């Protein structure tokens, strides 16, 4: 029996990419919750024609939310494109459209219309080319919800990786690794594992920043000056933390059997490991927001848009994770 009281917002992301294709793949299957795509209905209809997929839009009209969980149908909250979308050819003119869809989803989550939002991939470069400073969904949603600190977590079965820093140049990472930042990140990660994944007493492995976790200060002092003080202070408050660990051994099977999440110091320290193990089925979860947000683990794949070759595995996993978290939170 479909649970139409649980309504999930879905933003397809970059209209010239595979996001619309993936949404149509979700729509082709019967669902047990109400899924509302926030986009231009003509975008989905045109992409369905390109892909030769049977598809029916149930468009929101006059404040009434159409309810459909049937295969081949999808509820759509309309947001108009700024210019026509062509597969594989992103237009800076549609940057504001992409952000408009995110704003509608955020506002709907904040006012209780939606239980969660699931986001498709966006093209950061095109948004920046439109003159809009944009470093990623994570940072944008933090600003949109007026949240000071958030944490990016990616998860596959058997591995969760969180990031102390996200979309910043490598040259800036060291200055951002402070005891204050790590304390905030580890607190959010600890609480997120409890609230979203039901792990009552999570164990978190913390990577060092430098090779061999600094070799006692011979290869850098970030571990001594920032990472160890933050770990020790939080251990004193009852958090179960190990580290700082050399990143080249933090992901061994033996280590991972004893941990619920790994905190990497920067984007490309932890995510290559996770994506090597599970690319196309990983889920991005933003921790610390006042709303539930999950996303895919991949980009817009412009070359695949409209070809029928896009794989919806990560979006399927993101939707399932959003539903699981929403139901867990509703049970208290």
Protein backbone atom coordinates (compact mmCIF):
# COMPACT_ATOMS: atom_id res chain seq x y z
CA UNK A 1 0.00 0.00 0.00
CA UNK A 2 1.61 3.32 -1.08
CA UNK A 3 2.38 5.75 1.70
CA UNK A 4 1.11 8.96 0.10
CA UNK A 5 1.63 10.85 3.36
CA UNK A 6 5.37 10.62 2.74
CA UNK A 7 6.11 13.06 -0.08
CA UNK A 8 9.66 13.37 -1.44
CA UNK A 9 10.89 16.28 -3.58
CA UNK A 10 13.09 15.41 -6.56
CA UNK A 11 15.21 17.98 -8.41
CA UNK A 12 16.64 16.70 -11.73
CA UNK A 13 19.57 19.14 -11.70
CA UNK A 14 21.24 20.27 -14.93
CA UNK A 15 18.55 20.08 -17.65
CA UNK A 16 21.05 19.25 -20.41
CA UNK A 17 22.50 16.33 -18.43
CA UNK A 18 21.27 12.89 -17.41
CA UNK A 19 19.19 14.12 -14.46
CA UNK A 20 15.91 14.16 -16.45
CA UNK A 21 16.70 10.70 -17.85
CA UNK A 22 17.19 9.34 -14.33
CA UNK A 23 13.94 10.90 -13.13
CA UNK A 24 12.10 9.19 -15.97
CA UNK A 25 13.67 5.87 -15.00
CA UNK A 26 12.35 6.37 -11.46
CA UNK A 27 8.95 7.27 -12.87
CA UNK A 28 8.87 4.09 -14.95
CA UNK A 29 8.56 2.05 -11.75
CA UNK A 30 5.72 1.90 -9.25
CA UNK A 31 6.66 3.53 -5.94
CA UNK A 32 5.49 3.18 -2.36
CA UNK A 33 5.76 6.93 -1.62
CA UNK A 34 4.68 10.10 -3.41
CA UNK A 35 7.53 11.53 -5.50
CA UNK A 36 7.26 15.12 -6.77
CA UNK A 37 9.69 16.29 -9.45
CA UNK A 38 10.39 20.02 -9.28
CA UNK A 39 11.20 21.06 -12.83
CA UNK A 40 9.77 22.18 -16.13
CA UNK A 41 7.18 19.56 -17.23
CA UNK A 42 8.11 20.16 -20.87
CA UNK A 43 11.66 19.07 -20.08
CA UNK A 44 10.52 15.65 -18.90
CA UNK A 45 8.02 15.26 -21.73
CA UNK A 46 10.65 16.14 -24.36
CA UNK A 47 13.23 13.82 -22.81
CA UNK A 48 10.67 11.01 -22.63
CA UNK A 49 10.02 11.46 -26.34
CA UNK A 50 13.76 11.39 -27.08
CA UNK A 51 14.11 8.19 -25.05
CA UNK A 52 10.84 6.77 -26.42
CA UNK A 53 9.58 6.14 -22.92
CA UNK A 54 5.86 6.17 -22.11
CA UNK A 55 5.36 8.97 -19.59
CA UNK A 56 2.58 11.06 -18.08
CA UNK A 57 3.10 14.27 -16.08
CA UNK A 58 0.63 14.95 -13.26
CA UNK A 59 1.20 18.70 -12.95
CA UNK A 60 0.45 20.63 -9.78
CA UNK A 61 -2.39 23.07 -10.51
CA UNK A 62 -4.04 25.67 -8.27
CA UNK A 63 -2.43 24.40 -5.10
CA UNK A 64 -3.69 20.82 -5.47
CA UNK A 65 -1.00 18.15 -5.28
CA UNK A 66 -1.75 15.27 -7.64
CA UNK A 67 -1.14 11.92 -6.06
CA UNK A 68 0.35 9.20 -8.23
CA UNK A 69 2.66 6.34 -7.42
CA UNK A 70 1.90 4.38 -10.59
CA UNK A 71 4.53 3.28 -13.07
CA UNK A 72 4.90 5.67 -15.99
CA UNK A 73 3.54 8.67 -14.09
CA UNK A 74 5.14 11.39 -12.00
CA UNK A 75 3.82 14.35 -10.05
CA UNK A 76 5.50 17.59 -11.17
CA UNK A 77 5.70 20.94 -9.43
CA UNK A 78 6.35 23.22 -12.42
CA UNK A 79 9.33 25.59 -12.60
CA UNK A 80 9.85 27.05 -16.10
CA UNK A 81 13.14 26.75 -17.94
CA UNK A 82 14.76 30.04 -18.90
CA UNK A 83 15.70 28.67 -22.33
CA UNK A 84 15.17 25.38 -24.16
CA UNK A 85 17.31 22.50 -22.93
CA UNK A 86 19.32 20.51 -25.48
CA UNK A 87 20.90 17.20 -24.47
CA UNK A 88 24.62 17.60 -23.85
CA UNK A 89 24.64 21.40 -24.26
CA UNK A 90 24.33 23.18 -20.91
CA UNK A 91 23.23 26.82 -21.07
CA UNK A 92 24.27 29.40 -18.45
CA UNK A 93 20.86 30.96 -19.06
CA UNK A 94 19.32 28.00 -17.19
CA UNK A 95 21.52 28.42 -14.10
CA UNK A 96 18.82 30.40 -12.29
CA UNK A 97 16.30 27.73 -13.24
CA UNK A 98 18.43 25.05 -11.57
CA UNK A 99 18.71 27.11 -8.39
CA UNK A 100 14.98 27.91 -8.48
CA UNK A 101 14.21 24.18 -8.35
CA UNK A 102 16.47 23.79 -5.33
CA UNK A 103 14.85 26.75 -3.57
CA UNK A 104 11.37 25.31 -4.12
CA UNK A 105 12.47 21.96 -2.72
CA UNK A 106 14.15 23.54 0.32
CA UNK A 107 11.13 25.70 1.10
CA UNK A 108 8.83 22.71 0.73
CA UNK A 109 10.94 20.70 3.16
CA UNK A 110 11.05 23.57 5.65
CA UNK A 111 7.27 24.08 5.61
CA UNK A 112 6.49 20.37 5.85
CA UNK A 113 5.20 19.87 2.30
CA UNK A 114 8.03 17.41 1.67
CA UNK A 115 9.59 14.93 4.06
CA UNK A 116 12.93 15.06 2.22
CA UNK A 117 14.60 16.22 -0.98
CA UNK A 118 16.64 14.14 -3.42
CA UNK A 119 18.87 15.99 -5.86
CA UNK A 120 20.15 15.10 -9.30
CA UNK A 121 23.56 16.29 -10.54
CA UNK A 122 24.26 19.95 -11.34
CA UNK A 123 26.98 21.53 -13.47
CA UNK A 124 28.92 23.85 -11.16
CA UNK A 125 30.95 25.40 -13.98
CA UNK A 126 27.87 26.47 -15.93
CA UNK A 127 26.31 28.05 -12.85
CA UNK A 128 29.52 29.97 -12.23
CA UNK A 129 29.66 31.00 -15.89
CA UNK A 130 26.27 32.62 -15.33
CA UNK A 131 27.90 34.89 -12.76
CA UNK A 132 26.55 33.03 -9.72
CA UNK A 133 29.11 31.96 -7.08
CA UNK A 134 28.38 28.25 -6.54
CA UNK A 135 30.69 25.61 -5.11
CA UNK A 136 28.17 22.80 -4.74
CA UNK A 137 24.83 21.58 -3.43
CA UNK A 138 26.18 21.14 0.09
CA UNK A 139 27.29 24.73 0.52
CA UNK A 140 24.24 26.14 -1.29
CA UNK A 141 21.78 24.24 0.90
CA UNK A 142 23.62 25.32 4.05
CA UNK A 143 23.16 28.95 3.02
CA UNK A 144 19.56 28.42 1.94
CA UNK A 145 18.65 26.92 5.32
CA UNK A 146 20.84 29.36 7.28
CA UNK A 147 22.89 26.49 8.67
CA UNK A 148 26.36 27.39 9.89
CA UNK A 149 28.00 23.95 9.77
CA UNK A 150 27.13 20.98 7.57
CA UNK A 151 28.97 17.77 6.71
CA UNK A 152 29.09 15.86 3.44
CA UNK A 153 28.77 12.11 3.91
CA UNK A 154 28.86 9.52 1.14
CA UNK A 155 27.74 5.99 1.84
CA UNK A 156 27.71 2.57 0.25
CA UNK A 157 26.99 -0.74 1.97
CA UNK A 158 29.92 -1.32 4.33
CA UNK A 159 31.51 2.13 4.11
CA UNK A 160 30.60 5.70 5.04
CA UNK A 161 33.02 8.54 4.35
CA UNK A 162 32.54 12.07 5.69
CA UNK A 163 34.60 15.12 4.76
CA UNK A 164 36.15 17.73 7.04
CA UNK A 165 36.42 20.07 4.02
CA UNK A 166 34.48 19.87 0.78
CA UNK A 167 34.83 21.83 -2.45
CA UNK A 168 37.94 23.90 -1.81
CA UNK A 169 41.34 23.96 -3.53
CA UNK A 170 43.91 21.63 -2.02
CA UNK A 171 46.14 24.63 -1.26
CA UNK A 172 43.50 25.92 1.20
CA UNK A 173 42.83 22.68 3.09
CA UNK A 174 45.55 22.96 5.73
CA UNK A 175 44.36 26.35 6.96
CA UNK A 176 40.84 24.99 7.33
CA UNK A 177 41.89 22.05 9.52
CA UNK A 178 41.45 23.72 12.90
CA UNK A 179 40.39 22.23 16.25
CA UNK A 180 37.20 24.30 16.11
CA UNK A 181 36.23 23.07 12.64
CA UNK A 182 37.02 19.44 13.40
CA UNK A 183 35.09 19.59 16.66
CA UNK A 184 32.01 20.91 14.85
CA UNK A 185 32.34 18.36 12.02
CA UNK A 186 32.78 15.39 14.37
CA UNK A 187 29.81 16.43 16.48
CA UNK A 188 27.59 16.69 13.40
CA UNK A 189 28.87 13.37 12.07
CA UNK A 190 28.30 11.64 15.41
CA UNK A 191 24.75 12.95 15.69
CA UNK A 192 24.03 12.26 12.01
CA UNK A 193 25.01 8.62 12.37
CA UNK A 194 22.70 8.30 15.35
CA UNK A 195 19.74 10.19 13.88
CA UNK A 196 19.89 9.10 10.25
CA UNK A 197 21.33 5.60 10.46
CA UNK A 198 20.18 4.46 13.89
CA UNK A 199 23.70 3.81 15.25
CA UNK A 200 23.42 4.55 18.95
CA UNK A 201 27.14 4.67 19.77
CA UNK A 202 28.99 5.19 16.48
CA UNK A 203 32.70 4.57 16.08
CA UNK A 204 34.42 7.13 13.85
CA UNK A 205 37.89 6.74 12.35
CA UNK A 206 39.66 10.06 11.78
CA UNK A 207 42.28 10.35 9.05
CA UNK A 208 45.38 12.44 9.41
CA UNK A 209 46.08 15.14 6.87
CA UNK A 210 49.71 14.36 6.08
CA UNK A 211 51.42 11.16 4.86
CA UNK A 212 51.76 8.68 7.74
CA UNK A 213 49.57 11.06 9.82
CA UNK A 214 52.49 13.47 10.07
CA UNK A 215 55.17 11.09 11.40
CA UNK A 216 55.12 12.73 14.82
CA UNK A 217 55.48 16.21 13.33
CA UNK A 218 58.26 15.40 10.86
CA UNK A 219 55.84 15.52 7.91
CA UNK A 220 53.59 18.32 9.13
CA UNK A 221 52.08 19.55 12.38
CA UNK A 222 48.35 19.59 11.57
CA UNK A 223 47.86 16.31 13.44
CA UNK A 224 49.62 17.63 16.56
CA UNK A 225 48.19 21.14 16.52
CA UNK A 226 44.61 20.49 15.38
CA UNK A 227 43.47 16.90 14.83
CA UNK A 228 44.70 15.28 18.06
CA UNK A 229 43.39 18.10 20.33
CA UNK A 230 39.93 17.86 18.73
CA UNK A 231 39.86 14.07 19.06
CA UNK A 232 40.97 14.15 22.69
CA UNK A 233 38.44 16.80 23.68
CA UNK A 234 35.56 14.88 22.13
CA UNK A 235 36.69 11.55 23.55
CA UNK A 236 36.45 13.17 26.97
CA UNK A 237 32.80 13.89 26.17
CA UNK A 238 32.08 10.26 25.28
CA UNK A 239 32.54 10.14 21.52
CA UNK A 240 34.15 6.96 20.22
CA UNK A 241 36.95 8.20 17.97
CA UNK A 242 40.10 6.54 16.63
CA UNK A 243 43.02 8.34 15.01
CA UNK A 244 44.48 10.27 13.52
CA UNK A 245 45.13 7.37 11.17
CA UNK A 246 47.37 7.36 8.10
CA UNK A 247 44.94 7.60 5.21
CA UNK A 248 46.71 4.84 3.31
CA UNK A 249 45.74 2.29 5.99
CA UNK A 250 42.48 3.80 7.28
CA UNK A 251 40.45 1.93 4.65
CA UNK A 252 41.76 -1.59 5.11
CA UNK A 253 39.06 -4.25 5.63
CA UNK A 254 40.24 -4.84 9.20
CA UNK A 255 39.87 -1.15 10.07
CA UNK A 256 36.50 -0.81 8.38
CA UNK A 257 35.06 -3.76 10.28
CA UNK A 258 35.64 -1.75 13.46
CA UNK A 259 34.23 1.60 12.34
CA UNK A 260 30.89 3.12 11.37
CA UNK A 261 32.34 6.04 9.40
CA UNK A 262 35.66 7.46 8.28
CA UNK A 263 36.33 11.19 8.47
CA UNK A 264 38.63 12.28 5.63
CA UNK A 265 40.33 15.66 5.80
CA UNK A 266 39.62 16.61 2.19
CA UNK A 267 37.53 15.60 -0.81
CA UNK A 268 40.04 13.48 -2.74
CA UNK A 269 41.46 11.78 0.34
CA UNK A 270 38.37 9.73 1.06
CA UNK A 271 36.04 9.76 -1.93
CA UNK A 272 38.26 7.93 -4.46
CA UNK A 273 38.26 4.91 -2.14
CA UNK A 274 34.49 4.95 -1.74
CA UNK A 275 33.79 5.52 -5.43
CA UNK A 276 36.22 2.79 -6.45
CA UNK A 277 34.24 0.38 -4.31
CA UNK A 278 30.75 1.58 -5.18
CA UNK A 279 30.51 4.19 -7.92
CA UNK A 280 26.99 4.38 -9.30
CA UNK A 281 25.36 3.10 -6.12
CA UNK A 282 26.69 5.51 -3.49
CA UNK A 283 24.52 8.10 -1.77
CA UNK A 284 25.48 11.62 -0.75
CA UNK A 285 23.82 12.69 2.51
CA UNK A 286 24.12 16.23 3.88
CA UNK A 287 24.35 16.10 7.66
CA UNK A 288 23.55 19.04 9.92
CA UNK A 289 20.74 20.56 7.85
CA UNK A 290 17.27 21.09 9.38
CA UNK A 291 15.93 19.06 6.43
CA UNK A 292 16.71 15.66 4.91
CA UNK A 293 18.73 15.82 1.71
CA UNK A 294 20.29 12.99 -0.27
CA UNK A 295 21.87 12.99 -3.71
CA UNK A 296 23.62 10.97 -6.39
CA UNK A 297 27.35 10.26 -6.32
CA UNK A 298 28.07 11.34 -9.91
CA UNK A 299 28.03 14.27 -12.28
CA UNK A 300 25.83 15.35 -15.16
CA UNK A 301 27.34 12.95 -17.77
CA UNK A 302 26.41 15.28 -20.60
CA UNK A 303 27.55 12.80 -23.21
CA UNK A 304 24.96 10.27 -22.02
CA UNK A 305 21.96 12.60 -21.87
CA UNK A 306 19.16 11.39 -24.08
CA UNK A 307 20.98 8.20 -25.12
CA UNK A 308 19.21 5.76 -22.83
CA UNK A 309 22.55 4.64 -21.39
CA UNK A 310 22.36 6.48 -18.05
CA UNK A 311 22.32 4.29 -14.94
CA UNK A 312 19.83 5.32 -12.25
CA UNK A 313 21.38 3.12 -9.54
CA UNK A 314 22.71 6.00 -7.46
CA UNK A 315 19.45 7.98 -7.70
CA UNK A 316 17.52 4.87 -6.70
CA UNK A 317 19.80 4.47 -3.69
CA UNK A 318 19.48 8.16 -2.81
CA UNK A 319 15.68 7.91 -2.86
CA UNK A 320 15.69 4.77 -0.73
CA UNK A 321 18.04 6.40 1.79
CA UNK A 322 15.88 9.54 1.99
CA UNK A 323 12.79 7.41 2.61
CA UNK A 324 14.56 5.32 5.25
CA UNK A 325 15.80 8.43 7.09
CA UNK A 326 12.40 10.13 6.93
CA UNK A 327 10.66 7.06 8.32
CA UNK A 328 13.28 6.62 11.04
CA UNK A 329 12.90 10.24 12.15
CA UNK A 330 9.08 10.01 12.09
CA UNK A 331 9.27 7.11 14.54
CA UNK A 332 11.19 9.38 16.91
